[in-house]
């Protein structure tokens, strides 16, 4: 009886995690499956601290895909800008 309940709970957890896949996981999966490529990088206004980057979905001028926002750690002079990288579906 106990094993059946545990298996049912495990199945429920797996289905909920598949529904709530984050943008980072979607992007990593698309990169691993060779579905997206890095189109270009750019600078954008705004400060992002180290380790606090984020990914958002993108549909615009270059096509559909994802934008990765990450801190500008190479430029020690300015912290007013951060790096964005466009990953576009092939």
N, C-alpha and C. Protein backbone atom coordinates (compact mmCIF):
# COMPACT_ATOMS: atom_id res chain seq x y z
N UNK A 1 0.84 -1.20 0.00
CA UNK A 1 0.00 0.00 0.00
C UNK A 1 0.87 1.25 0.00
N UNK A 2 1.86 1.28 0.87
CA UNK A 2 2.74 2.45 0.97
C UNK A 2 3.50 2.68 -0.33
N UNK A 3 3.98 1.62 -0.97
CA UNK A 3 4.75 1.74 -2.21
C UNK A 3 3.86 2.32 -3.32
N UNK A 4 2.61 1.91 -3.39
CA UNK A 4 1.69 2.42 -4.42
C UNK A 4 1.48 3.92 -4.24
N UNK A 5 1.34 4.38 -3.01
CA UNK A 5 1.13 5.81 -2.75
C UNK A 5 2.37 6.60 -3.15
N UNK A 6 3.54 6.08 -2.83
CA UNK A 6 4.78 6.76 -3.18
C UNK A 6 4.93 6.85 -4.69
N UNK A 7 4.61 5.76 -5.41
CA UNK A 7 4.69 5.77 -6.87
C UNK A 7 3.72 6.78 -7.46
N UNK A 8 2.51 6.87 -6.92
CA UNK A 8 1.53 7.83 -7.41
C UNK A 8 2.01 9.26 -7.18
N UNK A 9 2.56 9.52 -6.02
CA UNK A 9 3.09 10.86 -5.73
C UNK A 9 4.25 11.19 -6.66
N UNK A 10 5.10 10.22 -6.93
CA UNK A 10 6.24 10.44 -7.83
C UNK A 10 5.76 10.76 -9.24
N UNK A 11 4.72 10.06 -9.71
CA UNK A 11 4.16 10.34 -11.03
C UNK A 11 3.57 11.75 -11.09
N UNK A 12 2.88 12.16 -10.03
CA UNK A 12 2.29 13.49 -9.99
C UNK A 12 3.39 14.56 -10.01
N UNK A 13 4.47 14.35 -9.28
CA UNK A 13 5.57 15.31 -9.25
C UNK A 13 6.21 15.42 -10.62
N UNK A 14 6.39 14.30 -11.31
CA UNK A 14 7.00 14.34 -12.64
C UNK A 14 6.13 15.11 -13.63
N UNK A 15 4.82 14.94 -13.58
CA UNK A 15 3.96 15.65 -14.52
C UNK A 15 3.94 17.14 -14.21
N UNK A 16 3.99 17.51 -12.94
CA UNK A 16 3.97 18.94 -12.62
C UNK A 16 5.30 19.60 -12.99
N UNK A 17 6.41 18.91 -12.83
CA UNK A 17 7.68 19.51 -13.20
C UNK A 17 7.81 19.66 -14.71
N UNK A 18 7.21 18.76 -15.47
CA UNK A 18 7.27 18.90 -16.91
C UNK A 18 6.43 20.09 -17.37
N UNK A 19 5.35 20.39 -16.69
CA UNK A 19 4.50 21.51 -17.06
C UNK A 19 5.18 22.84 -16.74
N UNK A 20 5.94 22.89 -15.68
CA UNK A 20 6.53 24.15 -15.22
C UNK A 20 8.02 24.20 -15.51
N UNK A 21 8.40 23.91 -16.73
CA UNK A 21 9.81 23.97 -17.11
C UNK A 21 10.20 25.44 -17.27
N UNK A 22 11.30 25.83 -16.67
CA UNK A 22 11.73 27.22 -16.73
C UNK A 22 12.32 27.55 -18.10
N UNK A 23 12.44 28.85 -18.36
CA UNK A 23 13.02 29.28 -19.63
C UNK A 23 14.46 28.81 -19.76
N UNK A 24 15.20 28.77 -18.65
CA UNK A 24 16.58 28.31 -18.68
C UNK A 24 16.64 26.85 -19.11
N UNK A 25 15.75 26.03 -18.58
CA UNK A 25 15.72 24.61 -18.95
C UNK A 25 15.30 24.44 -20.41
N UNK A 26 14.34 25.24 -20.86
CA UNK A 26 13.92 25.17 -22.26
C UNK A 26 15.07 25.54 -23.19
N UNK A 27 15.81 26.60 -22.83
CA UNK A 27 16.93 27.03 -23.66
C UNK A 27 18.03 25.98 -23.69
N UNK A 28 18.37 25.42 -22.53
CA UNK A 28 19.40 24.38 -22.48
C UNK A 28 19.00 23.16 -23.31
N UNK A 29 17.74 22.79 -23.25
CA UNK A 29 17.25 21.66 -24.03
C UNK A 29 17.33 21.96 -25.53
N UNK A 30 16.96 23.19 -25.93
CA UNK A 30 17.01 23.57 -27.33
C UNK A 30 18.45 23.61 -27.84
N UNK A 31 19.38 24.07 -27.00
CA UNK A 31 20.79 24.10 -27.40
C UNK A 31 21.32 22.68 -27.55
N UNK A 32 21.00 21.81 -26.60
CA UNK A 32 21.45 20.42 -26.67
C UNK A 32 20.89 19.69 -27.89
N UNK A 33 19.67 20.03 -28.29
CA UNK A 33 19.05 19.39 -29.45
C UNK A 33 19.40 20.11 -30.75
N UNK A 34 20.27 21.10 -30.67
CA UNK A 34 20.74 21.85 -31.84
C UNK A 34 19.59 22.53 -32.58
N UNK A 35 18.63 23.09 -31.83
CA UNK A 35 17.49 23.77 -32.44
C UNK A 35 17.67 25.28 -32.49
N UNK A 36 18.53 25.83 -31.64
CA UNK A 36 18.77 27.27 -31.62
C UNK A 36 20.24 27.55 -31.83
N UNK A 37 20.55 28.78 -32.24
CA UNK A 37 21.94 29.20 -32.36
C UNK A 37 22.07 30.61 -31.80
N UNK A 38 23.28 30.95 -31.40
CA UNK A 38 23.55 32.27 -30.86
C UNK A 38 23.65 33.25 -32.03
N UNK A 39 22.69 34.14 -32.15
CA UNK A 39 22.64 35.07 -33.27
C UNK A 39 23.64 36.22 -33.06
N UNK A 40 23.55 36.91 -31.93
CA UNK A 40 24.50 37.97 -31.62
C UNK A 40 24.34 38.37 -30.15
N UNK A 41 25.29 39.17 -29.67
CA UNK A 41 25.22 39.73 -28.33
C UNK A 41 25.15 41.24 -28.43
N UNK A 42 24.65 41.86 -27.38
CA UNK A 42 24.53 43.31 -27.34
C UNK A 42 24.58 43.78 -25.89
N UNK A 43 24.68 45.08 -25.69
CA UNK A 43 24.62 45.67 -24.36
C UNK A 43 23.25 46.30 -24.17
N UNK A 44 22.74 46.19 -22.97
CA UNK A 44 21.45 46.77 -22.63
C UNK A 44 21.57 47.51 -21.31
N UNK A 45 20.79 48.57 -21.15
CA UNK A 45 20.84 49.34 -19.91
C UNK A 45 20.32 48.52 -18.74
N UNK A 46 20.90 48.74 -17.59
CA UNK A 46 20.45 48.10 -16.38
C UNK A 46 21.56 47.28 -15.74
N UNK A 47 21.55 47.24 -14.42
CA UNK A 47 22.55 46.50 -13.66
C UNK A 47 22.03 45.12 -13.32
N UNK A 48 22.87 44.12 -13.50
CA UNK A 48 22.58 42.75 -13.07
C UNK A 48 23.79 42.28 -12.27
N UNK A 49 23.56 41.82 -11.04
CA UNK A 49 24.67 41.36 -10.20
C UNK A 49 25.15 39.99 -10.67
N UNK A 50 26.35 39.61 -10.22
CA UNK A 50 26.91 38.30 -10.59
C UNK A 50 26.01 37.19 -10.10
N UNK A 51 25.76 36.23 -10.97
CA UNK A 51 24.93 35.09 -10.61
C UNK A 51 23.44 35.36 -10.65
N UNK A 52 23.04 36.54 -11.11
CA UNK A 52 21.61 36.90 -11.12
C UNK A 52 21.05 37.06 -12.51
N UNK A 53 21.64 36.41 -13.51
CA UNK A 53 21.13 36.52 -14.87
C UNK A 53 19.79 35.83 -15.01
N UNK A 54 19.11 36.13 -16.10
CA UNK A 54 17.82 35.50 -16.35
C UNK A 54 17.61 35.35 -17.86
N UNK A 55 16.63 34.53 -18.21
CA UNK A 55 16.32 34.23 -19.61
C UNK A 55 14.85 34.52 -19.84
N UNK A 56 14.56 35.17 -20.98
CA UNK A 56 13.17 35.43 -21.34
C UNK A 56 12.92 35.01 -22.78
N UNK A 57 11.68 34.71 -23.07
CA UNK A 57 11.32 34.34 -24.44
C UNK A 57 11.35 35.57 -25.33
N UNK A 58 11.65 35.36 -26.61
CA UNK A 58 11.80 36.47 -27.55
C UNK A 58 11.09 36.15 -28.85
N UNK A 59 10.37 37.12 -29.36
CA UNK A 59 9.77 37.03 -30.70
C UNK A 59 9.82 38.44 -31.26
N UNK A 60 10.70 38.65 -32.20
CA UNK A 60 10.86 40.00 -32.72
C UNK A 60 11.55 40.03 -34.06
N UNK A 61 12.37 41.05 -34.25
CA UNK A 61 13.02 41.34 -35.52
C UNK A 61 13.84 40.17 -36.06
N UNK A 62 14.51 39.44 -35.20
CA UNK A 62 15.42 38.38 -35.63
C UNK A 62 14.76 37.00 -35.69
N UNK A 63 13.52 36.89 -35.27
CA UNK A 63 12.82 35.61 -35.26
C UNK A 63 12.31 35.28 -33.86
N UNK A 64 12.09 34.01 -33.60
CA UNK A 64 11.63 33.55 -32.30
C UNK A 64 12.75 32.82 -31.59
N UNK A 65 12.78 32.94 -30.27
CA UNK A 65 13.81 32.27 -29.49
C UNK A 65 13.85 32.77 -28.07
N UNK A 66 15.05 32.96 -27.55
CA UNK A 66 15.26 33.37 -26.17
C UNK A 66 16.33 34.46 -26.10
N UNK A 67 16.24 35.28 -25.07
CA UNK A 67 17.27 36.27 -24.78
C UNK A 67 17.83 35.94 -23.40
N UNK A 68 19.14 35.82 -23.33
CA UNK A 68 19.81 35.58 -22.04
C UNK A 68 20.41 36.90 -21.56
N UNK A 69 20.01 37.35 -20.37
CA UNK A 69 20.55 38.54 -19.75
C UNK A 69 21.58 38.10 -18.72
N UNK A 70 22.79 38.63 -18.81
CA UNK A 70 23.84 38.26 -17.85
C UNK A 70 24.67 39.48 -17.50
N UNK A 71 25.36 39.46 -16.36
CA UNK A 71 26.12 40.63 -15.94
C UNK A 71 27.31 40.91 -16.85
N UNK A 72 27.69 42.15 -16.90
CA UNK A 72 28.83 42.59 -17.69
C UNK A 72 30.07 42.55 -16.79
N UNK A 73 30.66 41.37 -16.65
CA UNK A 73 31.80 41.21 -15.73
C UNK A 73 33.13 41.61 -16.37
N UNK A 74 33.17 41.77 -17.69
CA UNK A 74 34.42 42.10 -18.35
C UNK A 74 34.74 43.58 -18.26
N UNK A 75 33.72 44.42 -18.26
CA UNK A 75 33.93 45.86 -18.22
C UNK A 75 33.87 46.33 -16.77
N UNK A 76 35.02 46.54 -16.16
CA UNK A 76 35.08 46.93 -14.75
C UNK A 76 34.71 48.40 -14.54
N UNK A 77 34.69 49.19 -15.61
CA UNK A 77 34.43 50.62 -15.49
C UNK A 77 32.94 50.92 -15.32
N UNK A 78 32.10 50.23 -16.07
CA UNK A 78 30.67 50.54 -16.09
C UNK A 78 29.85 49.39 -15.53
N UNK A 79 28.94 49.71 -14.64
CA UNK A 79 27.98 48.71 -14.17
C UNK A 79 26.56 49.14 -14.54
N UNK A 80 26.44 50.07 -15.48
CA UNK A 80 25.13 50.54 -15.92
C UNK A 80 24.55 49.70 -17.05
N UNK A 81 25.35 48.80 -17.61
CA UNK A 81 24.92 47.98 -18.72
C UNK A 81 25.14 46.50 -18.42
N UNK A 82 24.33 45.67 -19.05
CA UNK A 82 24.51 44.22 -18.95
C UNK A 82 24.50 43.63 -20.35
N UNK A 83 24.97 42.41 -20.48
CA UNK A 83 25.08 41.74 -21.77
C UNK A 83 23.79 40.95 -22.03
N UNK A 84 23.30 41.05 -23.27
CA UNK A 84 22.18 40.20 -23.67
C UNK A 84 22.63 39.41 -24.90
N UNK A 85 22.25 38.14 -24.93
CA UNK A 85 22.60 37.27 -26.05
C UNK A 85 21.32 36.68 -26.63
N UNK A 86 21.19 36.81 -27.95
CA UNK A 86 20.00 36.33 -28.65
C UNK A 86 20.23 34.91 -29.13
N UNK A 87 19.37 33.99 -28.72
CA UNK A 87 19.36 32.62 -29.21
C UNK A 87 18.10 32.45 -30.05
N UNK A 88 18.28 32.19 -31.35
CA UNK A 88 17.17 32.15 -32.29
C UNK A 88 17.01 30.73 -32.83
N UNK A 89 15.74 30.31 -33.01
CA UNK A 89 15.45 28.99 -33.58
C UNK A 89 15.91 28.95 -35.04
N UNK A 90 16.44 27.79 -35.46
CA UNK A 90 16.91 27.59 -36.84
C UNK A 90 15.73 27.41 -37.78
